[in-house]
């Protein structure tokens, strides 16, 4: 009987862990670099006009470095943020942080930009120049165990139960 209890508990625990894993939010750590009046992904040679993609519920932790010998801003109207970035250099960048935990209300693609005159042109959300994007999107569903996996685990548990009863009656 102890084996049956153990098998049932382990099967239930496994099924729970398999279904919960995909629902966990992530910490998304990124670096944004201001260099040559462009926003770049990660380094001075990184992609310009970067897009950082996170899922609702994720915590975006954005390290912002200014490598230019001029001031910039990091402005994100969607979150009401405008951070000043003092001048820096490649060897001694000015560093600040933008941290936000997203929600399903943030679904969409949100432009960020430098609001210093001459560093961008156009109107929000269609500016060009020193701009980038934060995209909050529900990831495409990865195949996760659903009813079929729970049913299979139940069948295995049932087989163990039948085997245990059969052995008990036989012995």
C-alpha atoms as a PDB file:
ATOM      1  CA  UNK A   1       0.000   0.000   0.000  1.00  0.00           C
ATOM      2  CA  UNK A   2       2.937   2.308   0.726  1.00  0.00           C
ATOM      3  CA  UNK A   3       4.190   1.805  -2.841  1.00  0.00           C
ATOM      4  CA  UNK A   4       0.810   2.720  -4.278  1.00  0.00           C
ATOM      5  CA  UNK A   5       0.742   5.891  -2.194  1.00  0.00           C
ATOM      6  CA  UNK A   6       4.287   6.776  -3.252  1.00  0.00           C
ATOM      7  CA  UNK A   7       3.542   6.189  -6.950  1.00  0.00           C
ATOM      8  CA  UNK A   8       0.390   8.315  -6.748  1.00  0.00           C
ATOM      9  CA  UNK A   9       2.183  11.176  -4.994  1.00  0.00           C
ATOM     10  CA  UNK A  10       5.132  11.098  -7.414  1.00  0.00           C
ATOM     11  CA  UNK A  11       2.835  10.982 -10.472  1.00  0.00           C
ATOM     12  CA  UNK A  12       0.831  13.944  -9.204  1.00  0.00           C
ATOM     13  CA  UNK A  13       3.983  15.907  -8.387  1.00  0.00           C
ATOM     14  CA  UNK A  14       5.478  15.227 -11.823  1.00  0.00           C
ATOM     15  CA  UNK A  15       2.288  16.263 -13.608  1.00  0.00           C
ATOM     16  CA  UNK A  16       2.133  19.479 -11.559  1.00  0.00           C
ATOM     17  CA  UNK A  17       5.774  20.382 -12.250  1.00  0.00           C
ATOM     18  CA  UNK A  18       5.404  19.750 -15.974  1.00  0.00           C
ATOM     19  CA  UNK A  19       2.392  22.040 -16.260  1.00  0.00           C
ATOM     20  CA  UNK A  20       3.716  24.818 -14.002  1.00  0.00           C
ATOM     21  CA  UNK A  21       7.116  25.217 -15.668  1.00  0.00           C
ATOM     22  CA  UNK A  22       5.798  27.170 -18.663  1.00  0.00           C
ATOM     23  CA  UNK A  23       3.853  29.625 -16.490  1.00  0.00           C
ATOM     24  CA  UNK A  24       6.854  31.014 -14.613  1.00  0.00           C
ATOM     25  CA  UNK A  25       7.847  34.614 -15.308  1.00  0.00           C
ATOM     26  CA  UNK A  26      11.440  35.408 -16.190  1.00  0.00           C
ATOM     27  CA  UNK A  27      13.966  38.071 -15.335  1.00  0.00           C
ATOM     28  CA  UNK A  28      15.147  39.481 -18.656  1.00  0.00           C
ATOM     29  CA  UNK A  29      18.522  41.207 -18.303  1.00  0.00           C
ATOM     30  CA  UNK A  30      19.576  43.364 -21.259  1.00  0.00           C
ATOM     31  CA  UNK A  31      22.085  46.121 -21.953  1.00  0.00           C
ATOM     32  CA  UNK A  32      21.328  49.153 -24.103  1.00  0.00           C
ATOM     33  CA  UNK A  33      24.270  51.266 -25.290  1.00  0.00           C
ATOM     34  CA  UNK A  34      24.172  54.836 -26.590  1.00  0.00           C
ATOM     35  CA  UNK A  35      26.996  55.082 -29.133  1.00  0.00           C
ATOM     36  CA  UNK A  36      27.441  57.375 -32.154  1.00  0.00           C
ATOM     37  CA  UNK A  37      23.971  58.823 -31.525  1.00  0.00           C
ATOM     38  CA  UNK A  38      22.353  55.390 -31.911  1.00  0.00           C
ATOM     39  CA  UNK A  39      20.828  52.941 -29.482  1.00  0.00           C
ATOM     40  CA  UNK A  40      22.641  49.607 -29.752  1.00  0.00           C
ATOM     41  CA  UNK A  41      21.850  46.165 -28.416  1.00  0.00           C
ATOM     42  CA  UNK A  42      24.417  45.122 -25.809  1.00  0.00           C
ATOM     43  CA  UNK A  43      27.661  46.647 -27.127  1.00  0.00           C
ATOM     44  CA  UNK A  44      29.003  49.475 -29.280  1.00  0.00           C
ATOM     45  CA  UNK A  45      28.921  47.107 -32.262  1.00  0.00           C
ATOM     46  CA  UNK A  46      25.472  45.706 -31.442  1.00  0.00           C
ATOM     47  CA  UNK A  47      22.407  46.003 -33.635  1.00  0.00           C
ATOM     48  CA  UNK A  48      21.056  49.543 -33.956  1.00  0.00           C
ATOM     49  CA  UNK A  49      17.374  50.264 -33.326  1.00  0.00           C
ATOM     50  CA  UNK A  50      17.120  47.217 -31.039  1.00  0.00           C
ATOM     51  CA  UNK A  51      13.941  45.436 -30.027  1.00  0.00           C
ATOM     52  CA  UNK A  52      13.796  43.794 -26.608  1.00  0.00           C
ATOM     53  CA  UNK A  53      11.020  41.212 -26.405  1.00  0.00           C
ATOM     54  CA  UNK A  54       9.537  40.079 -23.098  1.00  0.00           C
ATOM     55  CA  UNK A  55       6.416  38.201 -22.061  1.00  0.00           C
ATOM     56  CA  UNK A  56       3.695  39.625 -19.820  1.00  0.00           C
ATOM     57  CA  UNK A  57       4.786  39.088 -16.229  1.00  0.00           C
ATOM     58  CA  UNK A  58       8.498  39.205 -17.066  1.00  0.00           C
ATOM     59  CA  UNK A  59      10.766  41.664 -15.293  1.00  0.00           C
ATOM     60  CA  UNK A  60      12.837  43.613 -17.831  1.00  0.00           C
ATOM     61  CA  UNK A  61      16.048  44.820 -16.200  1.00  0.00           C
ATOM     62  CA  UNK A  62      17.655  47.163 -18.707  1.00  0.00           C
ATOM     63  CA  UNK A  63      21.167  48.451 -18.031  1.00  0.00           C
ATOM     64  CA  UNK A  64      21.576  51.679 -20.027  1.00  0.00           C
ATOM     65  CA  UNK A  65      25.097  52.888 -20.849  1.00  0.00           C
ATOM     66  CA  UNK A  66      26.051  56.172 -22.491  1.00  0.00           C
ATOM     67  CA  UNK A  67      29.332  55.830 -24.403  1.00  0.00           C
ATOM     68  CA  UNK A  68      28.911  59.168 -26.219  1.00  0.00           C
ATOM     69  CA  UNK A  69      30.625  62.396 -25.182  1.00  0.00           C
ATOM     70  CA  UNK A  70      27.196  64.088 -25.137  1.00  0.00           C
ATOM     71  CA  UNK A  71      24.040  63.863 -23.049  1.00  0.00           C
ATOM     72  CA  UNK A  72      21.085  61.655 -24.016  1.00  0.00           C
ATOM     73  CA  UNK A  73      17.732  60.689 -22.576  1.00  0.00           C
ATOM     74  CA  UNK A  74      16.037  57.313 -22.402  1.00  0.00           C
ATOM     75  CA  UNK A  75      12.380  58.117 -22.919  1.00  0.00           C
ATOM     76  CA  UNK A  76       9.541  55.561 -22.910  1.00  0.00           C
ATOM     77  CA  UNK A  77       6.142  57.297 -22.979  1.00  0.00           C
ATOM     78  CA  UNK A  78       4.228  54.043 -22.405  1.00  0.00           C
ATOM     79  CA  UNK A  79       5.712  53.748 -18.903  1.00  0.00           C
ATOM     80  CA  UNK A  80       6.024  57.520 -18.347  1.00  0.00           C
ATOM     81  CA  UNK A  81       9.814  57.339 -18.147  1.00  0.00           C
ATOM     82  CA  UNK A  82      12.411  59.894 -19.177  1.00  0.00           C
ATOM     83  CA  UNK A  83      15.871  59.263 -17.737  1.00  0.00           C
ATOM     84  CA  UNK A  84      18.764  61.672 -18.241  1.00  0.00           C
ATOM     85  CA  UNK A  85      22.070  60.142 -19.303  1.00  0.00           C
ATOM     86  CA  UNK A  86      25.142  62.267 -18.711  1.00  0.00           C
ATOM     87  CA  UNK A  87      27.976  62.036 -21.186  1.00  0.00           C
ATOM     88  CA  UNK A  88      30.302  59.061 -20.943  1.00  0.00           C
ATOM     89  CA  UNK A  89      32.876  57.197 -22.989  1.00  0.00           C
ATOM     90  CA  UNK A  90      33.711  53.677 -24.081  1.00  0.00           C
ATOM     91  CA  UNK A  91      36.150  53.258 -21.201  1.00  0.00           C
ATOM     92  CA  UNK A  92      33.993  55.091 -18.632  1.00  0.00           C
ATOM     93  CA  UNK A  93      30.314  54.942 -19.609  1.00  0.00           C
ATOM     94  CA  UNK A  94      27.565  56.696 -17.710  1.00  0.00           C
ATOM     95  CA  UNK A  95      25.240  53.942 -16.416  1.00  0.00           C
ATOM     96  CA  UNK A  96      21.628  53.985 -15.265  1.00  0.00           C
ATOM     97  CA  UNK A  97      18.871  51.382 -15.033  1.00  0.00           C
ATOM     98  CA  UNK A  98      15.304  50.954 -16.250  1.00  0.00           C
ATOM     99  CA  UNK A  99      13.424  48.147 -14.511  1.00  0.00           C
ATOM    100  CA  UNK A 100       9.816  47.244 -15.208  1.00  0.00           C
ATOM    101  CA  UNK A 101       7.652  44.207 -14.523  1.00  0.00           C
ATOM    102  CA  UNK A 102       5.303  43.882 -17.448  1.00  0.00           C
ATOM    103  CA  UNK A 103       1.690  42.738 -17.423  1.00  0.00           C
ATOM    104  CA  UNK A 104      -0.863  41.681 -19.999  1.00  0.00           C
ATOM    105  CA  UNK A 105      -1.998  45.342 -20.090  1.00  0.00           C
ATOM    106  CA  UNK A 106       1.422  46.137 -21.610  1.00  0.00           C
ATOM    107  CA  UNK A 107       0.946  43.844 -24.650  1.00  0.00           C
ATOM    108  CA  UNK A 108       2.224  45.712 -27.683  1.00  0.00           C
ATOM    109  CA  UNK A 109       5.354  47.248 -29.128  1.00  0.00           C
ATOM    110  CA  UNK A 110       6.514  50.400 -27.316  1.00  0.00           C
ATOM    111  CA  UNK A 111       9.044  52.795 -28.760  1.00  0.00           C
ATOM    112  CA  UNK A 112      11.846  54.301 -26.697  1.00  0.00           C
ATOM    113  CA  UNK A 113      14.038  57.144 -27.913  1.00  0.00           C
ATOM    114  CA  UNK A 114      16.470  59.899 -27.029  1.00  0.00           C
ATOM    115  CA  UNK A 115      14.519  63.139 -26.654  1.00  0.00           C
ATOM    116  CA  UNK A 116      17.492  65.468 -27.295  1.00  0.00           C
ATOM    117  CA  UNK A 117      16.878  67.773 -30.266  1.00  0.00           C
ATOM    118  CA  UNK A 118      18.463  66.344 -33.409  1.00  0.00           C
ATOM    119  CA  UNK A 119      18.770  62.795 -32.051  1.00  0.00           C
ATOM    120  CA  UNK A 120      15.456  61.704 -33.587  1.00  0.00           C
ATOM    121  CA  UNK A 121      12.901  62.937 -36.093  1.00  0.00           C
ATOM    122  CA  UNK A 122       9.170  62.443 -36.416  1.00  0.00           C
ATOM    123  CA  UNK A 123       6.468  61.980 -33.831  1.00  0.00           C
ATOM    124  CA  UNK A 124       5.898  59.236 -31.299  1.00  0.00           C
ATOM    125  CA  UNK A 125       5.405  56.320 -31.873  1.00  0.00           C
ATOM    126  CA  UNK A 126       6.942  56.623 -35.347  1.00  0.00           C
ATOM    127  CA  UNK A 127      10.186  58.413 -34.596  1.00  0.00           C
ATOM    128  CA  UNK A 128      13.376  57.521 -36.461  1.00  0.00           C
ATOM    129  CA  UNK A 129      16.976  58.055 -35.469  1.00  0.00           C
ATOM    130  CA  UNK A 130      18.048  57.197 -31.929  1.00  0.00           C
ATOM    131  CA  UNK A 131      15.135  54.844 -31.204  1.00  0.00           C
ATOM    132  CA  UNK A 132      14.371  51.265 -30.250  1.00  0.00           C
ATOM    133  CA  UNK A 133      11.493  49.090 -29.100  1.00  0.00           C
ATOM    134  CA  UNK A 134      10.286  47.114 -26.109  1.00  0.00           C
ATOM    135  CA  UNK A 135       7.836  44.463 -27.243  1.00  0.00           C
ATOM    136  CA  UNK A 136       5.581  42.761 -24.725  1.00  0.00           C
ATOM    137  CA  UNK A 137       4.111  39.687 -26.371  1.00  0.00           C
ATOM    138  CA  UNK A 138       2.707  36.385 -25.229  1.00  0.00           C
ATOM    139  CA  UNK A 139       5.157  33.808 -26.556  1.00  0.00           C
ATOM    140  CA  UNK A 140       3.916  31.260 -29.013  1.00  0.00           C
ATOM    141  CA  UNK A 141       2.828  28.258 -27.035  1.00  0.00           C
ATOM    142  CA  UNK A 142       5.463  25.632 -26.629  1.00  0.00           C
ATOM    143  CA  UNK A 143       4.054  22.146 -26.514  1.00  0.00           C
ATOM    144  CA  UNK A 144       3.374  21.488 -22.862  1.00  0.00           C
ATOM    145  CA  UNK A 145       1.921  18.420 -21.318  1.00  0.00           C
ATOM    146  CA  UNK A 146      -1.808  18.818 -21.134  1.00  0.00           C
ATOM    147  CA  UNK A 147      -4.632  16.414 -20.603  1.00  0.00           C
ATOM    148  CA  UNK A 148      -2.825  13.710 -22.555  1.00  0.00           C
ATOM    149  CA  UNK A 149       0.163  13.720 -20.202  1.00  0.00           C
ATOM    150  CA  UNK A 150      -2.033  13.699 -17.104  1.00  0.00           C
ATOM    151  CA  UNK A 151      -4.068  10.854 -18.582  1.00  0.00           C
ATOM    152  CA  UNK A 152      -0.903   8.894 -19.384  1.00  0.00           C
ATOM    153  CA  UNK A 153       0.398   9.390 -15.854  1.00  0.00           C
ATOM    154  CA  UNK A 154      -2.996   8.329 -14.513  1.00  0.00           C
ATOM    155  CA  UNK A 155      -2.870   5.203 -16.671  1.00  0.00           C
ATOM    156  CA  UNK A 156       0.581   4.348 -15.344  1.00  0.00           C
ATOM    157  CA  UNK A 157      -0.655   4.925 -11.788  1.00  0.00           C
ATOM    158  CA  UNK A 158      -3.710   2.756 -12.509  1.00  0.00           C
ATOM    159  CA  UNK A 159      -1.473  -0.005 -13.853  1.00  0.00           C
ATOM    160  CA  UNK A 160       0.584   0.103 -10.674  1.00  0.00           C
ATOM    161  CA  UNK A 161      -2.627  -0.075  -8.640  1.00  0.00           C
ATOM    162  CA  UNK A 162      -3.878  -3.118 -10.560  1.00  0.00           C
ATOM    163  CA  UNK A 163      -0.475  -4.773 -10.206  1.00  0.00           C
ATOM    164  CA  UNK A 164      -0.389  -4.037  -6.457  1.00  0.00           C
ATOM    165  CA  UNK A 165      -3.894  -5.465  -5.927  1.00  0.00           C
ATOM    166  CA  UNK A 166      -3.090  -8.532  -8.051  1.00  0.00           C
ATOM    167  CA  UNK A 167       0.128  -9.188  -6.109  1.00  0.00           C
ATOM    168  CA  UNK A 168      -1.659  -8.684  -2.792  1.00  0.00           C
ATOM    169  CA  UNK A 169      -4.416 -11.232  -3.697  1.00  0.00           C
ATOM    170  CA  UNK A 170      -1.909 -13.677  -5.143  1.00  0.00           C
ATOM    171  CA  UNK A 171       0.362 -13.580  -2.091  1.00  0.00           C
END
